Amino acid sequence: MFKPLELMGLLDDVRALRSAHWFPPIETVPEWVVYSLPDGMWLLSYMFAMEFIWNNDGKHIRLFFVWAMPVAIIAHEFCQLMGLASGTWDILDLTSYSIAIIIYLQTKKL
């Protein structure tokens, strides 16, 4: 991963930034912030991006693209619970996805 940075002569700069201690050590950050929060934020940004990209192409196509990923992600999470999909069931992931969907729906009401 760092080979391109090394080739560009930026590896020392990256190392300096990583050692700057702007953020708390990863060991002190709650696990849900490290593992579940980014998933929820990714889903929310996906939904907003699809809303923006498909906004002028008709209601049905926009709805399909906005909701395809949330449905697939939640279905995959439940398939993990039932042992039908690889991965680990995590209620915090499901909570993170649900909060992202709620935030999206709340912004649509405005």
C-alpha atoms as a PDB file:
ATOM      1  CA  MET A   1       0.000   0.000   0.000  1.00  0.00           C
ATOM      2  CA  PHE A   2       2.833   2.386   0.770  1.00  0.00           C
ATOM      3  CA  LYS A   3       4.956   1.540  -2.286  1.00  0.00           C
ATOM      4  CA  PRO A   4       3.396   4.273  -4.493  1.00  0.00           C
ATOM      5  CA  LEU A   5       4.016   6.838  -1.753  1.00  0.00           C
ATOM      6  CA  GLU A   6       7.597   5.685  -1.497  1.00  0.00           C
ATOM      7  CA  LEU A   7       8.051   5.996  -5.267  1.00  0.00           C
ATOM      8  CA  MET A   8       6.691   9.559  -5.119  1.00  0.00           C
ATOM      9  CA  GLY A   9       9.019  10.421  -2.251  1.00  0.00           C
ATOM     10  CA  LEU A  10       6.114  10.979   0.151  1.00  0.00           C
ATOM     11  CA  LEU A  11       6.626   8.074   2.539  1.00  0.00           C
ATOM     12  CA  ASP A  12       8.499  10.147   5.124  1.00  0.00           C
ATOM     13  CA  ASP A  13       5.721  12.748   5.086  1.00  0.00           C
ATOM     14  CA  VAL A  14       3.095  10.056   5.637  1.00  0.00           C
ATOM     15  CA  ARG A  15       5.083   8.592   8.518  1.00  0.00           C
ATOM     16  CA  ALA A  16       5.363  12.065  10.083  1.00  0.00           C
ATOM     17  CA  LEU A  17       1.612  12.598   9.810  1.00  0.00           C
ATOM     18  CA  ARG A  18       0.901   9.185  11.314  1.00  0.00           C
ATOM     19  CA  SER A  19       3.140   9.923  14.287  1.00  0.00           C
ATOM     20  CA  ALA A  20       1.755  13.440  14.856  1.00  0.00           C
ATOM     21  CA  HIS A  21      -0.732  12.130  17.455  1.00  0.00           C
ATOM     22  CA  TRP A  22      -3.645  14.190  16.197  1.00  0.00           C
ATOM     23  CA  PHE A  23      -5.969  11.358  17.053  1.00  0.00           C
ATOM     24  CA  PRO A  24      -6.134   9.193  20.160  1.00  0.00           C
ATOM     25  CA  PRO A  25      -4.445   5.801  19.980  1.00  0.00           C
ATOM     26  CA  ILE A  26      -6.660   3.274  18.252  1.00  0.00           C
ATOM     27  CA  GLU A  27      -6.745   1.179  21.410  1.00  0.00           C
ATOM     28  CA  THR A  28      -8.616   3.943  23.248  1.00  0.00           C
ATOM     29  CA  VAL A  29     -11.297   4.475  20.614  1.00  0.00           C
ATOM     30  CA  PRO A  30     -14.512   2.471  21.156  1.00  0.00           C
ATOM     31  CA  GLU A  31     -14.761  -0.506  18.807  1.00  0.00           C
ATOM     32  CA  TRP A  32     -18.100   0.648  17.355  1.00  0.00           C
ATOM     33  CA  VAL A  33     -16.419   3.883  16.208  1.00  0.00           C
ATOM     34  CA  VAL A  34     -13.684   1.940  14.445  1.00  0.00           C
ATOM     35  CA  TYR A  35     -15.754  -0.868  12.938  1.00  0.00           C
ATOM     36  CA  SER A  36     -19.449   0.089  12.709  1.00  0.00           C
ATOM     37  CA  LEU A  37     -19.601   3.879  12.399  1.00  0.00           C
ATOM     38  CA  PRO A  38     -17.675   3.978   9.084  1.00  0.00           C
ATOM     39  CA  ASP A  39     -20.116   1.451   7.599  1.00  0.00           C
ATOM     40  CA  GLY A  40     -23.097   3.588   8.549  1.00  0.00           C
ATOM     41  CA  MET A  41     -21.422   6.733   7.249  1.00  0.00           C
ATOM     42  CA  TRP A  42     -20.570   4.967   4.008  1.00  0.00           C
ATOM     43  CA  LEU A  43     -24.178   3.857   3.564  1.00  0.00           C
ATOM     44  CA  LEU A  44     -25.510   7.347   4.260  1.00  0.00           C
ATOM     45  CA  SER A  45     -23.100   8.915   1.776  1.00  0.00           C
ATOM     46  CA  TYR A  46     -24.048   6.261  -0.799  1.00  0.00           C
ATOM     47  CA  MET A  47     -27.746   7.074  -0.409  1.00  0.00           C
ATOM     48  CA  PHE A  48     -27.143  10.807  -0.767  1.00  0.00           C
ATOM     49  CA  ALA A  49     -24.889  10.234  -3.777  1.00  0.00           C
ATOM     50  CA  MET A  50     -27.496   8.069  -5.529  1.00  0.00           C
ATOM     51  CA  GLU A  51     -30.172  10.653  -4.752  1.00  0.00           C
ATOM     52  CA  PHE A  52     -28.000  13.332  -6.345  1.00  0.00           C
ATOM     53  CA  ILE A  53     -26.881  11.278  -9.349  1.00  0.00           C
ATOM     54  CA  TRP A  54     -30.314   9.889 -10.278  1.00  0.00           C
ATOM     55  CA  ASN A  55     -32.435  12.879  -9.217  1.00  0.00           C
ATOM     56  CA  ASN A  56     -33.393  13.902 -12.752  1.00  0.00           C
ATOM     57  CA  ASP A  57     -33.968  10.408 -14.181  1.00  0.00           C
ATOM     58  CA  GLY A  58     -37.391   9.637 -12.818  1.00  0.00           C
ATOM     59  CA  LYS A  59     -38.729   8.510  -9.500  1.00  0.00           C
ATOM     60  CA  HIS A  60     -38.542   4.744 -10.021  1.00  0.00           C
ATOM     61  CA  ILE A  61     -34.939   4.575 -11.162  1.00  0.00           C
ATOM     62  CA  ARG A  62     -33.887   6.951  -8.368  1.00  0.00           C
ATOM     63  CA  LEU A  63     -35.705   4.855  -5.765  1.00  0.00           C
ATOM     64  CA  PHE A  64     -34.105   1.686  -7.085  1.00  0.00           C
ATOM     65  CA  PHE A  65     -30.576   3.014  -6.873  1.00  0.00           C
ATOM     66  CA  VAL A  66     -31.065   4.758  -3.523  1.00  0.00           C
ATOM     67  CA  TRP A  67     -32.555   1.684  -1.833  1.00  0.00           C
ATOM     68  CA  ALA A  68     -30.717  -1.182  -3.558  1.00  0.00           C
ATOM     69  CA  MET A  69     -27.659  -0.984  -1.322  1.00  0.00           C
ATOM     70  CA  PRO A  70     -29.448  -0.541   2.034  1.00  0.00           C
ATOM     71  CA  VAL A  71     -31.662  -3.543   1.285  1.00  0.00           C
ATOM     72  CA  ALA A  72     -28.679  -5.645   0.174  1.00  0.00           C
ATOM     73  CA  ILE A  73     -26.574  -4.689   3.192  1.00  0.00           C
ATOM     74  CA  ILE A  74     -29.312  -5.431   5.725  1.00  0.00           C
ATOM     75  CA  ALA A  75     -30.183  -8.697   3.969  1.00  0.00           C
ATOM     76  CA  HIS A  76     -26.513  -9.678   4.043  1.00  0.00           C
ATOM     77  CA  GLU A  77     -26.303  -8.900   7.754  1.00  0.00           C
ATOM     78  CA  PHE A  78     -29.279 -11.170   8.481  1.00  0.00           C
ATOM     79  CA  CYS A  79     -27.816 -13.868   6.220  1.00  0.00           C
ATOM     80  CA  GLN A  80     -24.695 -13.712   8.376  1.00  0.00           C
ATOM     81  CA  LEU A  81     -26.878 -14.217  11.448  1.00  0.00           C
ATOM     82  CA  MET A  82     -28.421 -17.319   9.899  1.00  0.00           C
ATOM     83  CA  GLY A  83     -25.072 -18.645   8.682  1.00  0.00           C
ATOM     84  CA  LEU A  84     -25.999 -18.248   5.010  1.00  0.00           C
ATOM     85  CA  ALA A  85     -23.299 -15.675   4.240  1.00  0.00           C
ATOM     86  CA  SER A  86     -19.692 -15.325   5.249  1.00  0.00           C
ATOM     87  CA  GLY A  87     -18.845 -12.726   7.840  1.00  0.00           C
ATOM     88  CA  THR A  88     -19.794 -12.012  11.393  1.00  0.00           C
ATOM     89  CA  TRP A  89     -23.252 -10.891  12.499  1.00  0.00           C
ATOM     90  CA  ASP A  90     -22.986  -7.652  14.414  1.00  0.00           C
ATOM     91  CA  ILE A  91     -25.924  -5.817  15.937  1.00  0.00           C
ATOM     92  CA  LEU A  92     -23.828  -2.635  15.991  1.00  0.00           C
ATOM     93  CA  ASP A  93     -23.438  -2.831  12.200  1.00  0.00           C
ATOM     94  CA  LEU A  94     -27.194  -3.239  11.826  1.00  0.00           C
ATOM     95  CA  THR A  95     -27.741  -0.318  14.208  1.00  0.00           C
ATOM     96  CA  SER A  96     -25.307   1.817  12.249  1.00  0.00           C
ATOM     97  CA  TYR A  97     -27.099   1.022   8.981  1.00  0.00           C
ATOM     98  CA  SER A  98     -30.474   1.738  10.566  1.00  0.00           C
ATOM     99  CA  ILE A  99     -29.343   5.106  11.886  1.00  0.00           C
ATOM    100  CA  ALA A 100     -27.989   6.002   8.445  1.00  0.00           C
ATOM    101  CA  ILE A 101     -31.352   5.163   6.884  1.00  0.00           C
ATOM    102  CA  ILE A 102     -33.207   7.183   9.526  1.00  0.00           C
ATOM    103  CA  ILE A 103     -30.956  10.189   8.939  1.00  0.00           C
ATOM    104  CA  TYR A 104     -31.535   9.913   5.200  1.00  0.00           C
ATOM    105  CA  LEU A 105     -35.309   9.715   5.646  1.00  0.00           C
ATOM    106  CA  GLN A 106     -35.321  12.635   8.097  1.00  0.00           C
ATOM    107  CA  THR A 107     -33.461  14.837   5.621  1.00  0.00           C
ATOM    108  CA  LYS A 108     -35.990  13.941   2.931  1.00  0.00           C
ATOM    109  CA  LYS A 109     -38.787  15.336   5.115  1.00  0.00           C
ATOM    110  CA  LEU A 110     -37.193  18.786   5.241  1.00  0.00           C
END
